[in-house]
Amino acid sequence: MREYIANLTYTHKGVLFMGCTVDTNYKAKGLDCIKLTTPKYFAVISPLTGSAVFRLHDNINNIEVFRYSESCSLDEYNDAREIWGLPTLYLPNRFDRGVLKTSDAVYQLPVNETDLVNHIHGWVHKREHTVENTFANDEKAVLTTSFTFTDKDEMFEYFPLRFRIEYTFTLSDEKGLVQEIKLINQSEKALPVSICTHTCISAPLSPDGSEETMRLCVPILEKCELDERCLPTEKMLPLSDWDMEYKNGTKRPTLQVISNDMYTAADNLLDGESFYGVIITDTKTGRRLCNEVSKEFKFWNMWNHDGDKGYFCPEPMTAMINAPNLSLPREVSGYNELSSGEVFTCSQRFFTL
């Protein structure tokens, strides 16, 4: 049993916890990381590996939110950063044959998904980021990081657009983990905007939970048809019985194959109130994990790595796969561009109930 005191302290198994802290000397997988701690949660963030969130843990309910394993070596993690924790991707998902068309240029990115002949996921999550600021008080712990892309980067020859991306992570008992993303165009040409997180949710959520009893609720409107190369056909489909399982919250997110189900986003309901995000429930334990996103995220893409790896990815996306190259209007594809000096912002948060 536990007891909260003024929402800032609690006792658990006879131990008293209070306040919020930032540990700038925390090590994970041999890397210098930042650990944010509140009475209810802790989060481990790795600026050196793209500002990825290694872990978000609910101390009270013993919930491991994101896919994490102590036995996964740093080499294994670096070989596949997209499938651990919470990596944030700029220029996410696939671009047909590596081509990226903006309103004032055409860029040829390397084809790094050779089987489907696409460029996939960009490179920002593979770069070292800079710690800009840390802060903590009785109510929250905060970390701000940044990455600036210049002509010193090996990818600049393919994508000669200077930009800066900033992440602010705020952990509190009241709101959980909030991630704010700011993208700034520092070039003279149009900067394409497409952002997503490859959100790797642990299954089950807790040791006393079960993959069999987990259910995923995703607020969706229409399905975006994809071809054999996982690129949009530009056709929007009505929801089938399979799709409706997302909408009505009966979808089992693992133990079956989910492969790039992409949908337009809609409002959900959480305890009778409007909620723009996904809800994961373990019907065995009654525990819930909620991922609320800002309205800039207009699509959800679902994937679970064949359903047998102990995790799944409900990915919020600001734009469709291959959006810059589609003939669809921007209000349909979600594609956006920034002029020189312009800023794009979006945010999301994770919390447990």
Protein backbone atom coordinates (compact mmCIF):
# COMPACT_ATOMS: atom_id res chain seq x y z
CA MET A 1 0.00 0.00 0.00
CA ARG A 2 1.07 3.58 -0.52
CA GLU A 3 -0.06 6.98 0.62
CA TYR A 4 0.29 10.26 -1.26
CA ILE A 5 1.00 13.39 0.76
CA ALA A 6 0.15 16.70 -0.95
CA ASN A 7 0.78 14.97 -4.31
CA LEU A 8 4.51 15.45 -3.76
CA THR A 9 5.43 12.54 -1.52
CA TYR A 10 4.38 8.98 -0.97
CA THR A 11 5.30 6.04 1.17
CA HIS A 12 5.76 2.68 -0.50
CA LYS A 13 6.83 -0.45 1.41
CA GLY A 14 7.83 1.77 4.29
CA VAL A 15 10.06 4.11 2.23
CA LEU A 16 9.28 7.83 1.95
CA PHE A 17 9.81 9.51 -1.44
CA MET A 18 9.57 13.23 -2.08
CA GLY A 19 10.36 15.96 -4.58
CA CYS A 20 11.72 15.76 -8.13
CA THR A 21 15.33 15.42 -9.23
CA VAL A 22 17.61 15.52 -12.28
CA ASP A 23 20.66 13.25 -12.23
CA THR A 24 23.15 14.46 -14.87
CA ASN A 25 25.68 11.75 -14.00
CA TYR A 26 23.49 8.74 -14.64
CA LYS A 27 24.91 5.88 -16.72
CA ALA A 28 22.91 3.51 -18.93
CA LYS A 29 24.55 0.99 -21.25
CA GLY A 30 27.83 2.77 -20.52
CA LEU A 31 26.51 6.08 -21.85
CA ASP A 32 26.19 9.41 -20.07
CA CYS A 33 22.43 9.85 -19.67
CA ILE A 34 20.04 12.10 -17.79
CA LYS A 35 17.66 10.61 -15.22
CA LEU A 36 14.52 12.55 -14.31
CA THR A 37 12.76 11.40 -11.14
CA THR A 38 9.45 12.26 -9.45
CA PRO A 39 7.66 10.44 -6.63
CA LYS A 40 5.71 8.35 -9.16
CA TYR A 41 7.97 8.07 -12.23
CA PHE A 42 11.51 8.00 -13.46
CA ALA A 43 12.70 8.58 -17.03
CA VAL A 44 16.14 7.90 -18.52
CA ILE A 45 17.05 9.97 -21.59
CA SER A 46 20.14 9.55 -23.76
CA PRO A 47 21.28 12.77 -25.50
CA LEU A 48 24.21 10.88 -27.04
CA THR A 49 21.84 8.62 -28.99
CA GLY A 50 19.45 11.12 -30.50
CA SER A 51 17.71 12.22 -27.28
CA ALA A 52 15.99 8.86 -27.14
CA VAL A 53 14.03 8.00 -24.01
CA PHE A 54 15.57 4.72 -22.86
CA ARG A 55 13.04 4.19 -20.08
CA LEU A 56 9.87 5.58 -18.54
CA HIS A 57 8.94 3.69 -15.39
CA ASP A 58 5.94 3.95 -13.07
CA ASN A 59 7.43 3.22 -9.64
CA ILE A 60 4.06 2.67 -7.97
CA ASN A 61 2.51 0.18 -10.40
CA ASN A 62 5.82 -1.30 -11.61
CA ILE A 63 4.98 -0.38 -15.21
CA GLU A 64 7.80 -0.34 -17.77
CA VAL A 65 6.31 1.91 -20.44
CA PHE A 66 8.81 1.51 -23.27
CA ARG A 67 10.68 -1.52 -24.57
CA TYR A 68 13.86 -1.87 -22.53
CA SER A 69 16.21 -4.70 -21.63
CA GLU A 70 19.24 -4.70 -19.39
CA SER A 71 20.63 -7.57 -21.46
CA CYS A 72 20.54 -5.57 -24.71
CA SER A 73 24.11 -4.39 -25.34
CA LEU A 74 24.97 -0.94 -26.65
CA ASP A 75 26.01 -2.48 -29.97
CA GLU A 76 22.67 -4.25 -30.30
CA TYR A 77 20.85 -1.04 -29.44
CA ASN A 78 22.84 1.02 -31.94
CA ASP A 79 22.12 -1.51 -34.69
CA ALA A 80 18.38 -0.86 -34.33
CA ARG A 81 17.69 2.33 -32.38
CA GLU A 82 14.21 2.56 -33.86
CA ILE A 83 12.93 -0.45 -31.92
CA TRP A 84 13.96 0.45 -28.36
CA GLY A 85 12.46 3.04 -26.03
CA LEU A 86 11.13 6.25 -27.53
CA PRO A 87 13.21 7.47 -30.48
CA THR A 88 12.07 10.66 -32.24
CA LEU A 89 12.41 10.66 -36.02
CA TYR A 90 12.73 13.68 -38.28
CA LEU A 91 11.89 12.75 -41.87
CA PRO A 92 10.32 9.53 -40.61
CA ASN A 93 9.18 6.48 -42.44
CA ARG A 94 9.61 5.94 -46.16
CA PHE A 95 10.49 8.09 -49.17
CA ASP A 96 10.03 6.44 -52.55
CA ARG A 97 13.48 5.54 -53.94
CA GLY A 98 14.96 8.17 -51.62
CA VAL A 99 13.42 11.06 -53.54
CA LEU A 100 12.08 13.99 -51.50
CA LYS A 101 10.33 16.78 -53.43
CA THR A 102 9.76 20.15 -51.79
CA SER A 103 8.16 23.24 -53.30
CA ASP A 104 11.54 24.63 -54.40
CA ALA A 105 13.89 21.63 -54.76
CA VAL A 106 14.27 17.87 -55.20
CA TYR A 107 16.59 15.93 -52.89
CA GLN A 108 17.98 12.43 -53.39
CA LEU A 109 18.46 10.65 -50.06
CA PRO A 110 20.38 7.37 -49.78
CA VAL A 111 18.30 4.22 -50.19
CA ASN A 112 18.77 2.51 -46.81
CA GLU A 113 15.82 0.12 -47.05
CA THR A 114 17.16 -1.90 -49.94
CA ASP A 115 14.45 -4.57 -50.08
CA LEU A 116 11.71 -1.99 -50.68
CA VAL A 117 13.99 0.57 -52.39
CA ASN A 118 13.19 3.45 -50.03
CA HIS A 119 14.93 5.86 -47.70
CA ILE A 120 13.61 5.27 -44.20
CA HIS A 121 13.58 7.24 -40.91
CA GLY A 122 16.18 9.95 -41.53
CA TRP A 123 19.28 10.39 -39.36
CA VAL A 124 18.56 12.81 -36.50
CA HIS A 125 18.00 9.93 -34.05
CA LYS A 126 21.47 8.61 -34.93
CA ARG A 127 23.33 11.78 -33.97
CA GLU A 128 24.76 13.01 -30.70
CA HIS A 129 22.60 15.76 -29.20
CA THR A 130 23.56 18.59 -26.86
CA VAL A 131 22.21 19.10 -23.34
CA GLU A 132 20.92 22.68 -23.21
CA ASN A 133 19.34 22.86 -19.78
CA THR A 134 18.22 20.85 -16.77
CA PHE A 135 15.93 21.94 -13.97
CA ALA A 136 14.00 20.45 -11.05
CA ASN A 137 11.72 21.65 -8.27
CA ASP A 138 9.07 20.08 -6.04
CA GLU A 139 6.68 19.56 -8.95
CA LYS A 140 8.71 18.62 -12.03
CA ALA A 141 12.06 17.64 -13.54
CA VAL A 142 13.05 19.09 -16.91
CA LEU A 143 15.64 18.38 -19.61
CA THR A 144 16.16 20.33 -22.85
CA THR A 145 18.36 18.97 -25.65
CA SER A 146 19.13 20.07 -29.21
CA PHE A 147 20.67 19.00 -32.50
CA THR A 148 21.85 21.41 -35.20
CA PHE A 149 22.30 20.08 -38.72
CA THR A 150 25.03 21.83 -40.71
CA ASP A 151 27.40 21.24 -43.63
CA LYS A 152 29.68 19.34 -41.23
CA ASP A 153 27.27 16.39 -41.27
CA GLU A 154 27.84 13.58 -43.78
CA MET A 155 24.17 13.76 -44.83
CA PHE A 156 24.44 17.42 -45.85
CA GLU A 157 25.50 16.48 -49.38
CA TYR A 158 22.13 14.78 -49.82
CA PHE A 159 20.04 17.25 -47.84
CA PRO A 160 21.77 20.70 -47.86
CA LEU A 161 19.29 22.41 -45.54
CA ARG A 162 20.44 23.77 -42.20
CA PHE A 163 17.99 23.20 -39.36
CA ARG A 164 17.84 22.90 -35.60
CA ILE A 165 15.62 20.58 -33.59
CA GLU A 166 15.01 20.96 -29.86
CA TYR A 167 13.39 18.58 -27.38
CA THR A 168 12.11 19.50 -23.94
CA PHE A 169 11.22 16.62 -21.62
CA THR A 170 9.18 17.44 -18.52
CA LEU A 171 8.42 14.74 -15.96
CA SER A 172 5.81 15.29 -13.26
CA ASP A 173 3.38 13.21 -11.24
CA GLU A 174 0.53 15.36 -12.53
CA LYS A 175 1.15 14.96 -16.27
CA GLY A 176 3.63 12.11 -16.63
CA LEU A 177 6.30 12.57 -19.30
CA VAL A 178 5.70 15.49 -21.67
CA GLN A 179 7.85 15.83 -24.78
CA GLU A 180 7.85 19.12 -26.67
CA ILE A 181 9.51 19.24 -30.10
CA LYS A 182 10.61 22.40 -31.89
CA LEU A 183 11.91 22.35 -35.49
CA ILE A 184 13.57 25.53 -36.82
CA ASN A 185 14.52 26.19 -40.45
CA GLN A 186 17.96 27.83 -40.56
CA SER A 187 18.33 27.61 -44.35
CA GLU A 188 17.09 29.82 -47.18
CA LYS A 189 15.05 27.09 -48.88
CA ALA A 190 11.84 25.38 -47.80
CA LEU A 191 12.32 22.81 -45.03
CA PRO A 192 9.99 19.77 -45.18
CA VAL A 193 8.10 18.96 -41.97
CA SER A 194 7.39 15.37 -41.05
CA ILE A 195 7.92 14.15 -37.48
CA CYS A 196 7.00 10.99 -35.62
CA THR A 197 8.07 8.94 -32.64
CA HIS A 198 8.68 5.24 -33.15
CA THR A 199 6.91 4.57 -29.86
CA CYS A 200 7.97 1.12 -28.62
CA ILE A 201 5.48 0.09 -25.93
CA SER A 202 6.43 -2.80 -23.65
CA ALA A 203 4.16 -5.87 -23.64
CA PRO A 204 3.10 -6.72 -21.04
CA LEU A 205 3.20 -3.43 -19.16
CA SER A 206 4.03 -4.98 -15.78
CA PRO A 207 5.28 -8.32 -14.44
CA ASP A 208 1.80 -9.27 -13.22
CA GLY A 209 0.19 -8.30 -16.53
CA SER A 210 -0.34 -10.33 -19.68
CA GLU A 211 0.06 -9.82 -23.41
CA GLU A 212 -3.13 -11.86 -23.89
CA THR A 213 -5.17 -9.33 -21.94
CA MET A 214 -3.69 -6.13 -23.37
CA ARG A 215 -5.97 -4.00 -25.54
CA LEU A 216 -5.20 -1.00 -27.73
CA CYS A 217 -7.63 1.84 -28.47
CA VAL A 218 -6.69 4.20 -31.32
CA PRO A 219 -9.02 6.99 -32.50
CA ILE A 220 -9.16 6.62 -36.29
CA LEU A 221 -11.30 7.85 -39.19
CA GLU A 222 -10.07 6.33 -42.46
CA LYS A 223 -7.38 3.85 -43.46
CA CYS A 224 -4.57 4.98 -45.75
CA GLU A 225 -4.05 2.21 -48.30
CA LEU A 226 -0.40 1.17 -48.76
CA ASP A 227 1.13 -0.73 -51.67
CA GLU A 228 3.56 -3.65 -51.57
CA ARG A 229 6.44 -1.24 -50.87
CA CYS A 230 4.61 0.26 -47.86
CA LEU A 231 3.93 3.51 -49.73
CA PRO A 232 0.50 5.23 -49.88
CA THR A 233 -1.57 4.59 -52.98
CA GLU A 234 -3.36 7.90 -52.17
CA LYS A 235 -6.59 5.94 -51.72
CA MET A 236 -8.48 6.29 -48.42
CA LEU A 237 -10.42 3.23 -47.33
CA PRO A 238 -13.46 2.79 -45.06
CA LEU A 239 -12.80 0.96 -41.82
CA SER A 240 -13.03 -2.85 -41.92
CA ASP A 241 -13.83 -5.11 -38.97
CA TRP A 242 -10.06 -5.41 -38.33
CA ASP A 243 -9.73 -1.61 -38.29
CA MET A 244 -12.73 -1.15 -36.02
CA GLU A 245 -10.95 -3.13 -33.31
CA TYR A 246 -8.58 -0.16 -32.98
CA LYS A 247 -11.45 2.28 -32.81
CA ASN A 248 -13.51 0.39 -30.23
CA GLY A 249 -10.51 -0.55 -28.10
CA THR A 250 -10.57 -4.32 -28.56
CA LYS A 251 -7.37 -4.67 -30.61
CA ARG A 252 -4.80 -7.05 -29.12
CA PRO A 253 -1.53 -5.25 -29.95
CA THR A 254 0.77 -8.30 -29.88
CA LEU A 255 0.57 -12.08 -30.45
CA GLN A 256 -0.68 -11.37 -33.96
CA VAL A 257 0.97 -9.56 -36.88
CA ILE A 258 0.32 -5.83 -37.27
CA SER A 259 2.24 -4.39 -40.21
CA ASN A 260 1.95 -0.72 -41.08
CA ASP A 261 -1.72 -0.03 -40.48
CA MET A 262 -1.88 3.73 -41.15
CA TYR A 263 -4.96 5.85 -40.36
CA THR A 264 -6.11 9.42 -40.14
CA ALA A 265 -6.46 10.52 -36.52
CA ALA A 266 -9.57 11.51 -34.61
CA ASP A 267 -10.58 12.33 -31.03
CA ASN A 268 -10.82 9.59 -28.45
CA LEU A 269 -12.61 9.43 -25.08
CA LEU A 270 -10.83 8.93 -21.77
CA ASP A 271 -13.15 8.47 -18.79
CA GLY A 272 -15.91 10.31 -20.66
CA GLU A 273 -13.79 13.31 -21.67
CA SER A 274 -12.30 14.21 -25.08
CA PHE A 275 -8.79 12.82 -25.47
CA TYR A 276 -6.59 13.09 -28.57
CA GLY A 277 -4.46 10.01 -28.27
CA VAL A 278 -4.23 6.25 -27.72
CA ILE A 279 -5.14 4.23 -24.64
CA ILE A 280 -3.57 0.88 -23.77
CA THR A 281 -5.35 -1.22 -21.15
CA ASP A 282 -4.36 -4.45 -19.46
CA THR A 283 -7.75 -5.94 -18.71
CA LYS A 284 -6.14 -8.40 -16.29
CA THR A 285 -4.73 -5.76 -13.94
CA GLY A 286 -6.90 -2.76 -14.92
CA ARG A 287 -3.80 -0.63 -15.50
CA ARG A 288 -3.79 1.87 -18.34
CA LEU A 289 -1.13 3.70 -20.34
CA CYS A 290 -2.18 6.82 -22.22
CA ASN A 291 -0.34 8.64 -25.02
CA GLU A 292 -1.87 12.06 -25.68
CA VAL A 293 -0.56 13.99 -28.70
CA SER A 294 -0.98 17.52 -30.00
CA LYS A 295 -3.21 18.20 -33.00
CA GLU A 296 -0.17 18.51 -35.28
CA PHE A 297 -0.07 14.70 -35.26
CA LYS A 298 -2.66 13.84 -37.88
CA PHE A 299 -1.97 10.14 -38.44
CA TRP A 300 -1.35 6.90 -36.54
CA ASN A 301 0.74 4.07 -37.92
CA MET A 302 0.62 0.70 -36.15
CA TRP A 303 3.38 -1.91 -36.30
CA ASN A 304 4.48 -4.72 -33.98
CA HIS A 305 7.51 -6.50 -35.51
CA ASP A 306 5.58 -9.69 -36.25
CA GLY A 307 3.82 -9.53 -32.88
CA ASP A 308 6.19 -11.89 -31.07
CA LYS A 309 8.93 -9.58 -29.77
CA GLY A 310 7.21 -8.28 -26.61
CA TYR A 311 6.49 -4.78 -27.86
CA PHE A 312 4.37 -2.81 -30.33
CA CYS A 313 4.47 0.64 -31.90
CA PRO A 314 1.49 3.00 -32.11
CA GLU A 315 3.34 5.76 -33.97
CA PRO A 316 1.93 9.31 -34.09
CA MET A 317 2.88 11.03 -37.35
CA THR A 318 2.45 14.64 -38.45
CA ALA A 319 2.30 13.57 -42.11
CA MET A 320 1.64 10.52 -44.24
CA ILE A 321 4.39 8.18 -45.35
CA ASN A 322 6.10 9.66 -48.47
CA ALA A 323 4.02 12.82 -47.98
CA PRO A 324 6.24 15.31 -49.91
CA ASN A 325 6.01 13.16 -53.04
CA LEU A 326 2.24 12.60 -53.01
CA SER A 327 -0.20 14.45 -55.24
CA LEU A 328 -2.68 14.78 -52.36
CA PRO A 329 -3.48 18.27 -51.00
CA ARG A 330 -1.47 19.15 -47.91
CA GLU A 331 -4.59 19.26 -45.76
CA VAL A 332 -5.04 15.56 -46.64
CA SER A 333 -1.41 14.34 -46.53
CA GLY A 334 -0.44 16.45 -43.53
CA TYR A 335 2.69 17.63 -45.33
CA ASN A 336 4.03 21.01 -44.29
CA GLU A 337 7.05 23.21 -45.07
CA LEU A 338 8.88 25.90 -43.14
CA SER A 339 10.22 29.05 -44.73
CA SER A 340 13.55 30.47 -43.58
CA GLY A 341 13.49 31.20 -39.83
CA GLU A 342 10.06 29.62 -39.35
CA VAL A 343 9.39 27.28 -36.42
CA PHE A 344 7.18 24.17 -36.15
CA THR A 345 6.16 22.80 -32.76
CA CYS A 346 4.35 19.68 -31.59
CA SER A 347 4.11 17.74 -28.35
CA GLN A 348 2.94 14.55 -26.67
CA ARG A 349 2.76 13.01 -23.22
CA PHE A 350 2.69 9.59 -21.61
CA PHE A 351 1.02 8.82 -18.29
CA THR A 352 -0.32 5.78 -16.45
CA LEU A 353 -3.60 5.24 -14.63
